[in-house]
Amino acid sequence: MQYLPEHLIYLAKRYQNAKRNYLLVNPLQAKHLGAEPCQALDMMQTLGKQLFSRYPEAKLLIGFAETATAIATQAAMQFPEDVQFVHTTREKQEGKVLQFLEEHSHAVQQRLNLEGELPETKEIILIDDEISTGKTIQNMITQIRKEIPAYQKAKFIAGSLINRVPEENLLFMQKENIVFEWLCKPENTDYSRKVEQMEVHAPEELPFGETKPYACILSRSRLPESRKLHTVGEYRKTYREFVKTVRKELENRIAGKKRLLILGTEECMYPAILLGAQLSGQGFDVKCHATTRSPIGISLQEGYPIQEGYALPSFYDVNRKTYLYQPDRTAEVVLIVTDSHADTEPAMQKISMLFPESEKILIKG
C-alpha cells in the first residue's frame, strides 16, 4: 500500500508548548487515536521491510520513545534474529546510558541504554514516527559517535513513517554519513501558522471518585525490558509467548463480548497492538491506542482530530501527568497492557471513571 499524507497526517495543536505549537497525529499509529491493530502493524511492517530490503547488513536498530516504540519494534521484527534492537526512553536508567535532547518536545530528555555487547556493524538504523528537521537525529548520532568509538564511521539510516526534512538538511547530513528513508514525504507546509488561530483548551482533569471494580492479570509470560538491548529473536519469542499466555488467560473473561478497546501505556505500546491483532483475528472488534505524555489541545472545531481528552496519573509515576484521547466509551471490555512495576492504582481509578459501564482488565507483563 502507498501511504499518502491524507492517510497519515491529522493536524492538532499542542497545548501550551512554545517550542512547537503543532502536532501531526497519525490515525493509523495506534497512539493518540484508536486504530485497528492489524492496519497499524501493516503500516509499521511496510517500513521495516523497506529498511531491510535496502540495508540488510545493519545489525543494530534503535527506536525513539515515546511515540515510535511500537513502530520501531515491528520494523525490527522484519530483520534476522541476531540483529539487536533497543528503544530510547524518558524513564530513569542505570548503567551505561547516553543522554541527548529532543529539543521541541514536552519532555526534552532522551536516554539510550547501550549496556551489553554491542554488535559489529557498519550500518545503524534509527526509527521514528515523524522527522521534521533531523535535529533530534543529529543529537543522538553525535552522542553515539562520541561515546562509542567503534561507531564513529558507521552509516546511520533514519527511517520514519513521515519525513519533512528540508532538502538542504538531507544533503548536509548525507555528507555526515546520515541518510533517510520514509513511507511518506508531504509537501513543505507551515503547520505552525496553520494552528496559530486554533482555539483549544486543556485535557479535562478528572476528580478522584468512587472506584469501579476491575480485574488484574499478572501474566506468567513476562514482557521483555525493551529499554535494554536484546536480539530480534529474543523479542520475537518473548512477545509471542506473552500474547499466547494472555489470550488464554482472557478466554473465559471476554467470552460473549464483541467490542474491545486495548490501551498501551506510554512507551509500552507494541504488546497491546500485538494482542489486539490476535484478538481481531479471532473475530473481536478491536481498537488500540495508548496513554501518552503529550499534552494536546482539545477542540470541537469541525475536522479537528482531538475533541476529547483526559489527564491521568502515569502508570509509571503517580506524580507525572499523562493523557488519554478520544476514548471509545462503547467498548464492552477495556484491556490495559503495561510493563510498569510502579503503583498503577491511581491511574486505574481514573480509567475506571472514564469507562464506568465497561469491564476493565489490567494486564501486567
Protein backbone atom coordinates (compact mmCIF):
# COMPACT_ATOMS: atom_id res chain seq x y z
CA MET A 1 0.00 0.00 0.00
CA GLN A 2 1.15 3.51 -0.78
CA TYR A 3 0.81 5.77 2.26
CA LEU A 4 -0.22 9.32 1.36
CA PRO A 5 -0.32 12.41 3.62
CA GLU A 6 -4.11 12.17 3.92
CA HIS A 7 -3.66 8.65 5.33
CA LEU A 8 -1.09 9.58 7.96
CA ILE A 9 -1.45 13.26 8.89
CA TYR A 10 -4.13 14.92 11.01
CA LEU A 11 -3.13 18.35 12.30
CA ALA A 12 -3.58 19.18 16.00
CA LYS A 13 -2.33 21.93 18.28
CA ARG A 14 -0.05 21.19 21.21
CA TYR A 15 -1.30 22.59 24.48
CA GLN A 16 0.93 25.40 25.78
CA ASN A 17 4.12 24.32 24.03
CA ALA A 18 6.06 27.41 22.97
CA LYS A 19 8.82 25.37 21.28
CA ARG A 20 6.49 23.79 18.71
CA ASN A 21 2.81 24.61 18.64
CA TYR A 22 1.55 21.79 16.40
CA LEU A 23 1.42 18.01 16.42
CA LEU A 24 0.89 15.66 13.49
CA VAL A 25 -1.48 12.93 14.64
CA ASN A 26 -1.28 9.67 12.72
CA PRO A 27 -4.68 7.87 12.73
CA LEU A 28 -3.06 4.52 11.84
CA GLN A 29 -0.37 4.59 14.52
CA ALA A 30 -2.50 3.37 17.46
CA LYS A 31 -1.08 6.04 19.74
CA HIS A 32 -3.25 9.13 20.19
CA LEU A 33 -6.27 7.79 18.31
CA GLY A 34 -7.84 4.36 18.34
CA ALA A 35 -6.76 2.30 15.33
CA GLU A 36 -7.37 -1.19 14.02
CA PRO A 37 -4.33 -3.16 15.23
CA CYS A 38 -3.77 -5.09 12.01
CA GLN A 39 -3.74 -1.88 9.97
CA ALA A 40 -1.27 -0.34 12.40
CA LEU A 41 1.05 -3.35 12.25
CA ASP A 42 0.83 -3.49 8.44
CA MET A 43 1.99 0.12 8.18
CA MET A 44 4.87 -0.46 10.62
CA GLN A 45 5.83 -3.68 8.83
CA THR A 46 5.91 -1.88 5.49
CA LEU A 47 8.55 0.49 6.85
CA GLY A 48 10.54 -2.41 8.31
CA LYS A 49 10.52 -4.37 5.06
CA GLN A 50 11.66 -1.29 3.15
CA LEU A 51 14.54 -0.76 5.57
CA PHE A 52 15.61 -4.41 5.48
CA SER A 53 15.47 -4.58 1.68
CA ARG A 54 17.85 -1.61 1.42
CA TYR A 55 20.07 -2.18 4.45
CA PRO A 56 20.15 -5.94 5.08
CA GLU A 57 23.60 -5.76 6.74
CA ALA A 58 22.50 -3.47 9.58
CA LYS A 59 22.93 -5.20 12.95
CA LEU A 60 21.57 -2.53 15.31
CA LEU A 61 18.17 -0.83 15.28
CA ILE A 62 17.17 1.95 17.69
CA GLY A 63 13.61 3.24 18.13
CA PHE A 64 12.55 6.60 19.56
CA ALA A 65 10.37 6.97 22.63
CA GLU A 66 7.62 7.71 23.19
CA THR A 67 5.51 7.55 20.09
CA ALA A 68 7.70 5.35 17.87
CA THR A 69 8.39 2.41 20.18
CA ALA A 70 5.80 0.15 18.52
CA ILE A 71 6.75 1.30 15.01
CA ALA A 72 10.40 0.53 15.64
CA THR A 73 9.71 -2.84 17.25
CA GLN A 74 7.50 -4.06 14.42
CA ALA A 75 10.07 -2.77 11.90
CA ALA A 76 12.82 -4.64 13.76
CA MET A 77 10.79 -7.85 13.50
CA GLN A 78 11.44 -7.78 9.74
CA PHE A 79 15.18 -8.30 10.36
CA PRO A 80 17.11 -11.52 11.12
CA GLU A 81 17.08 -12.96 14.62
CA ASP A 82 20.66 -11.94 15.51
CA VAL A 83 20.05 -8.22 14.86
CA GLN A 84 19.91 -6.19 18.08
CA PHE A 85 17.17 -3.74 18.99
CA VAL A 86 16.50 -1.19 21.74
CA HIS A 87 14.42 1.94 22.04
CA THR A 88 15.22 5.19 23.82
CA THR A 89 13.37 6.10 26.97
CA ARG A 90 12.45 9.03 29.15
CA GLU A 91 12.45 6.80 32.21
CA LYS A 92 15.47 6.75 34.52
CA GLN A 93 18.07 4.15 33.63
CA GLU A 94 21.07 2.69 35.41
CA GLY A 95 24.38 1.67 33.86
CA LYS A 96 25.84 2.90 30.58
CA VAL A 97 23.30 5.44 29.33
CA LEU A 98 23.70 8.01 26.57
CA GLN A 99 21.65 11.18 27.01
CA PHE A 100 20.57 13.57 24.29
CA LEU A 101 17.87 16.19 23.72
CA GLU A 102 14.64 16.18 21.75
CA GLU A 103 14.52 19.94 21.89
CA HIS A 104 10.97 20.63 20.65
CA SER A 105 9.34 18.06 22.91
CA HIS A 106 7.28 18.48 26.06
CA ALA A 107 9.87 16.21 27.71
CA VAL A 108 13.22 17.01 26.14
CA GLN A 109 15.47 14.45 27.84
CA GLN A 110 16.01 11.20 25.96
CA ARG A 111 18.07 8.28 27.28
CA LEU A 112 19.60 5.36 25.41
CA ASN A 113 20.73 2.33 27.38
CA LEU A 114 23.51 0.55 25.50
CA GLU A 115 24.70 -1.81 28.22
CA GLY A 116 25.64 -5.20 26.91
CA GLU A 117 27.70 -6.44 23.99
CA LEU A 118 27.17 -4.12 21.06
CA PRO A 119 27.22 -5.70 17.60
CA GLU A 120 29.86 -5.03 14.99
CA THR A 121 28.07 -3.15 12.24
CA LYS A 122 28.76 -0.61 9.53
CA GLU A 123 25.12 0.45 9.42
CA ILE A 124 22.83 1.53 12.26
CA ILE A 125 19.13 2.20 11.74
CA LEU A 126 17.21 4.76 13.79
CA ILE A 127 13.40 4.69 13.64
CA ASP A 128 10.92 7.46 14.47
CA ASP A 129 7.31 8.18 13.58
CA GLU A 130 7.94 11.61 12.08
CA ILE A 131 11.15 13.53 11.35
CA SER A 132 10.76 17.24 10.74
CA THR A 133 14.23 18.83 10.77
CA GLY A 134 16.58 15.99 11.71
CA LYS A 135 17.88 17.87 14.76
CA THR A 136 16.99 15.11 17.27
CA ILE A 137 18.57 12.52 14.96
CA GLN A 138 21.76 14.59 14.83
CA ASN A 139 21.81 14.99 18.60
CA MET A 140 21.61 11.24 19.10
CA ILE A 141 24.20 10.38 16.46
CA THR A 142 26.62 12.94 17.87
CA GLN A 143 26.40 11.27 21.28
CA ILE A 144 26.77 7.76 19.87
CA ARG A 145 29.83 8.70 17.84
CA LYS A 146 31.32 10.49 20.83
CA GLU A 147 30.78 7.65 23.31
CA ILE A 148 31.28 4.59 21.10
CA PRO A 149 34.48 4.77 19.01
CA ALA A 150 33.56 1.65 17.01
CA TYR A 151 30.58 3.50 15.55
CA GLN A 152 32.34 6.75 14.59
CA LYS A 153 32.47 5.77 10.93
CA ALA A 154 29.18 3.86 10.84
CA LYS A 155 26.49 4.87 8.39
CA PHE A 156 23.26 5.95 10.12
CA ILE A 157 19.90 5.41 8.45
CA ALA A 158 16.99 7.42 9.85
CA GLY A 159 13.74 5.66 8.98
CA SER A 160 10.29 7.13 9.64
CA LEU A 161 6.69 6.96 8.57
CA ILE A 162 6.73 10.68 7.71
CA ASN A 163 9.74 12.71 6.64
CA ARG A 164 9.58 16.51 6.39
CA VAL A 165 13.31 17.24 6.48
CA PRO A 166 14.17 20.08 4.06
CA GLU A 167 16.25 19.12 1.06
CA GLU A 168 19.23 21.21 2.20
CA ASN A 169 19.25 19.35 5.55
CA LEU A 170 19.12 15.99 3.76
CA LEU A 171 22.11 16.94 1.62
CA PHE A 172 24.07 18.29 4.59
CA MET A 173 23.53 15.16 6.66
CA GLN A 174 24.35 12.90 3.74
CA LYS A 175 27.86 14.38 3.92
CA GLU A 176 27.88 13.30 7.60
CA ASN A 177 27.08 9.71 6.52
CA ILE A 178 23.43 10.05 7.61
CA VAL A 179 20.70 9.07 5.15
CA PHE A 180 16.90 8.98 5.41
CA GLU A 181 14.16 6.52 4.49
CA TRP A 182 10.42 7.12 4.75
CA LEU A 183 6.96 5.96 3.73
CA CYS A 184 5.52 9.43 3.16
CA LYS A 185 7.10 12.80 2.35
CA PRO A 186 4.46 15.55 2.28
CA GLU A 187 4.87 18.92 0.64
CA ASN A 188 6.54 21.62 2.71
CA THR A 189 3.81 23.18 4.87
CA ASP A 190 3.95 25.80 7.61
CA TYR A 191 1.96 23.89 10.21
CA SER A 192 2.83 26.41 12.90
CA ARG A 193 0.94 29.11 11.06
CA LYS A 194 -1.97 26.80 10.33
CA VAL A 195 -2.64 26.18 14.03
CA GLU A 196 -1.98 29.73 15.28
CA GLN A 197 -5.63 30.77 15.26
CA MET A 198 -6.98 27.48 16.56
CA GLU A 199 -8.65 27.87 19.93
CA VAL A 200 -8.02 24.85 22.14
CA HIS A 201 -8.34 24.03 25.80
CA ALA A 202 -6.54 21.66 28.15
CA PRO A 203 -7.50 18.00 28.52
CA GLU A 204 -10.03 17.54 31.30
CA GLU A 205 -8.88 16.92 34.87
CA LEU A 206 -10.96 14.17 36.44
CA PRO A 207 -11.58 14.32 40.19
CA PHE A 208 -10.93 11.17 42.19
CA GLY A 209 -14.22 9.49 42.93
CA GLU A 210 -15.67 6.10 43.64
CA THR A 211 -13.50 3.40 42.07
CA LYS A 212 -15.32 0.94 39.85
CA PRO A 213 -14.08 -2.64 40.17
CA TYR A 214 -11.55 -4.03 37.70
CA ALA A 215 -9.64 -7.26 37.26
CA CYS A 216 -5.86 -7.61 37.21
CA ILE A 217 -3.87 -10.26 35.37
CA LEU A 218 -0.19 -10.74 36.19
CA SER A 219 0.98 -12.58 33.11
CA ARG A 220 3.07 -15.68 33.66
CA SER A 221 4.96 -14.75 30.49
CA ARG A 222 6.83 -11.53 31.21
CA LEU A 223 7.42 -8.78 28.70
CA PRO A 224 11.00 -8.05 27.62
CA GLU A 225 12.77 -4.99 29.02
CA SER A 226 12.58 -3.08 25.75
CA ARG A 227 14.70 -0.22 27.12
CA LYS A 228 17.72 -2.56 27.04
CA LEU A 229 19.43 -4.35 24.17
CA HIS A 230 18.05 -7.71 23.05
CA THR A 231 18.19 -9.61 19.79
CA VAL A 232 15.22 -9.64 17.45
CA GLY A 233 14.96 -13.37 18.09
CA GLU A 234 14.61 -12.82 21.83
CA TYR A 235 11.96 -10.16 21.31
CA ARG A 236 10.00 -12.28 18.84
CA LYS A 237 9.92 -15.31 21.15
CA THR A 238 9.02 -13.31 24.27
CA TYR A 239 6.23 -11.30 22.65
CA ARG A 240 4.77 -14.43 21.06
CA GLU A 241 4.70 -16.21 24.44
CA PHE A 242 3.21 -13.15 26.15
CA VAL A 243 0.33 -12.83 23.68
CA LYS A 244 -0.35 -16.58 23.75
CA THR A 245 -0.41 -16.64 27.56
CA VAL A 246 -2.59 -13.56 27.94
CA ARG A 247 -5.03 -14.75 25.28
CA LYS A 248 -5.51 -17.99 27.20
CA GLU A 249 -5.98 -16.11 30.48
CA LEU A 250 -8.60 -13.87 28.84
CA GLU A 251 -10.52 -16.67 27.19
CA ASN A 252 -13.29 -17.05 29.76
CA ARG A 253 -13.30 -13.39 30.80
CA ILE A 254 -14.19 -11.97 27.39
CA ALA A 255 -16.27 -14.83 26.02
CA GLY A 256 -19.50 -13.50 24.58
CA LYS A 257 -18.11 -9.97 24.23
CA LYS A 258 -17.55 -8.30 20.87
CA ARG A 259 -16.18 -4.76 21.13
CA LEU A 260 -12.76 -4.39 22.76
CA LEU A 261 -10.53 -1.40 23.49
CA ILE A 262 -6.88 -2.23 24.23
CA LEU A 263 -4.71 0.50 25.72
CA GLY A 264 -0.94 0.56 25.99
CA THR A 265 0.81 2.78 28.50
CA GLU A 266 3.23 5.46 27.28
CA GLU A 267 6.32 3.66 25.90
CA CYS A 268 4.67 0.24 26.26
CA MET A 269 2.62 0.17 23.07
CA TYR A 270 3.71 -2.82 21.00
CA PRO A 271 2.37 -5.68 23.15
CA ALA A 272 -1.06 -4.02 23.30
CA ILE A 273 -1.19 -3.80 19.49
CA LEU A 274 0.04 -7.39 19.09
CA LEU A 275 -2.60 -8.66 21.49
CA GLY A 276 -5.18 -6.58 19.64
CA ALA A 277 -4.21 -8.13 16.30
CA GLN A 278 -4.51 -11.63 17.78
CA LEU A 279 -7.98 -10.93 19.17
CA SER A 280 -9.07 -9.17 15.99
CA GLY A 281 -8.12 -12.29 14.06
CA GLN A 282 -10.44 -14.28 16.31
CA GLY A 283 -13.49 -12.21 15.48
CA PHE A 284 -13.42 -9.42 18.05
CA ASP A 285 -13.96 -5.79 17.03
CA VAL A 286 -10.74 -4.22 18.38
CA LYS A 287 -9.29 -0.74 18.58
CA CYS A 288 -5.88 0.05 20.09
CA HIS A 289 -4.16 3.18 21.30
CA ALA A 290 -2.21 4.31 24.37
CA THR A 291 -1.77 6.81 27.16
CA THR A 292 0.78 9.49 26.34
CA ARG A 293 2.84 12.23 27.93
CA SER A 294 1.93 14.61 25.09
CA PRO A 295 -0.45 17.43 26.13
CA ILE A 296 -2.65 18.08 23.09
CA GLY A 297 -5.18 20.87 22.85
CA ILE A 298 -8.86 19.88 22.75
CA SER A 299 -11.26 21.50 20.28
CA LEU A 300 -14.77 20.84 18.97
CA GLN A 301 -13.93 22.61 15.72
CA GLU A 302 -15.11 20.59 12.72
CA GLY A 303 -12.36 18.37 11.35
CA TYR A 304 -10.14 18.72 14.41
CA PRO A 305 -8.82 15.24 15.38
CA ILE A 306 -8.77 15.54 19.19
CA GLN A 307 -12.18 16.54 20.51
CA GLU A 308 -11.99 14.76 23.86
CA GLY A 309 -9.08 14.21 26.24
CA TYR A 310 -8.39 13.48 29.89
CA ALA A 311 -5.44 13.85 32.25
CA LEU A 312 -4.41 10.73 34.16
CA PRO A 313 -1.68 9.90 36.68
CA SER A 314 1.08 7.97 34.92
CA PHE A 315 1.15 4.19 35.27
CA TYR A 316 4.89 4.63 35.95
CA ASP A 317 4.95 7.63 38.29
CA VAL A 318 1.86 8.83 40.16
CA ASN A 319 3.33 12.34 40.27
CA ARG A 320 3.56 12.55 36.47
CA LYS A 321 0.66 13.58 34.29
CA THR A 322 -0.31 11.62 31.20
CA TYR A 323 -3.27 11.79 28.83
CA LEU A 324 -5.83 9.66 27.05
CA TYR A 325 -7.59 11.00 23.96
CA GLN A 326 -10.81 10.03 22.18
CA PRO A 327 -11.72 7.12 24.49
CA ASP A 328 -14.26 4.71 23.00
CA ARG A 329 -17.00 4.54 25.66
CA THR A 330 -18.89 1.89 23.66
CA ALA A 331 -16.22 -0.76 24.33
CA GLU A 332 -17.60 -3.71 26.27
CA VAL A 333 -14.17 -4.57 27.61
CA VAL A 334 -11.18 -2.26 28.18
CA LEU A 335 -7.83 -4.04 28.42
CA ILE A 336 -4.84 -2.07 29.72
CA VAL A 337 -1.44 -3.60 28.91
CA THR A 338 1.54 -2.26 30.87
CA ASP A 339 5.12 -3.14 31.77
CA SER A 340 5.02 -0.87 34.82
CA HIS A 341 6.26 -2.13 38.17
CA ALA A 342 5.09 1.03 39.96
CA ASP A 343 1.81 1.85 41.69
CA THR A 344 -0.87 1.64 38.99
CA GLU A 345 -3.88 2.14 41.29
CA PRO A 346 -4.27 5.95 40.81
CA ALA A 347 -4.22 5.57 37.02
CA MET A 348 -6.72 2.71 37.14
CA GLN A 349 -9.04 4.78 39.32
CA LYS A 350 -9.22 7.40 36.58
CA ILE A 351 -9.61 4.74 33.87
CA SER A 352 -12.49 3.21 35.80
CA MET A 353 -14.20 6.62 35.92
CA LEU A 354 -13.85 7.02 32.14
CA PHE A 355 -15.33 3.59 31.41
CA PRO A 356 -17.92 3.02 34.16
CA GLU A 357 -20.02 0.57 32.11
CA SER A 358 -17.15 -1.42 30.58
CA GLU A 359 -15.43 -4.42 32.06
CA LYS A 360 -11.87 -3.35 32.85
CA ILE A 361 -8.87 -5.67 32.96
CA LEU A 362 -5.33 -4.54 33.81
CA ILE A 363 -2.69 -6.81 32.29
CA LYS A 364 0.76 -6.53 33.85
CA GLY A 365 3.58 -8.01 31.84
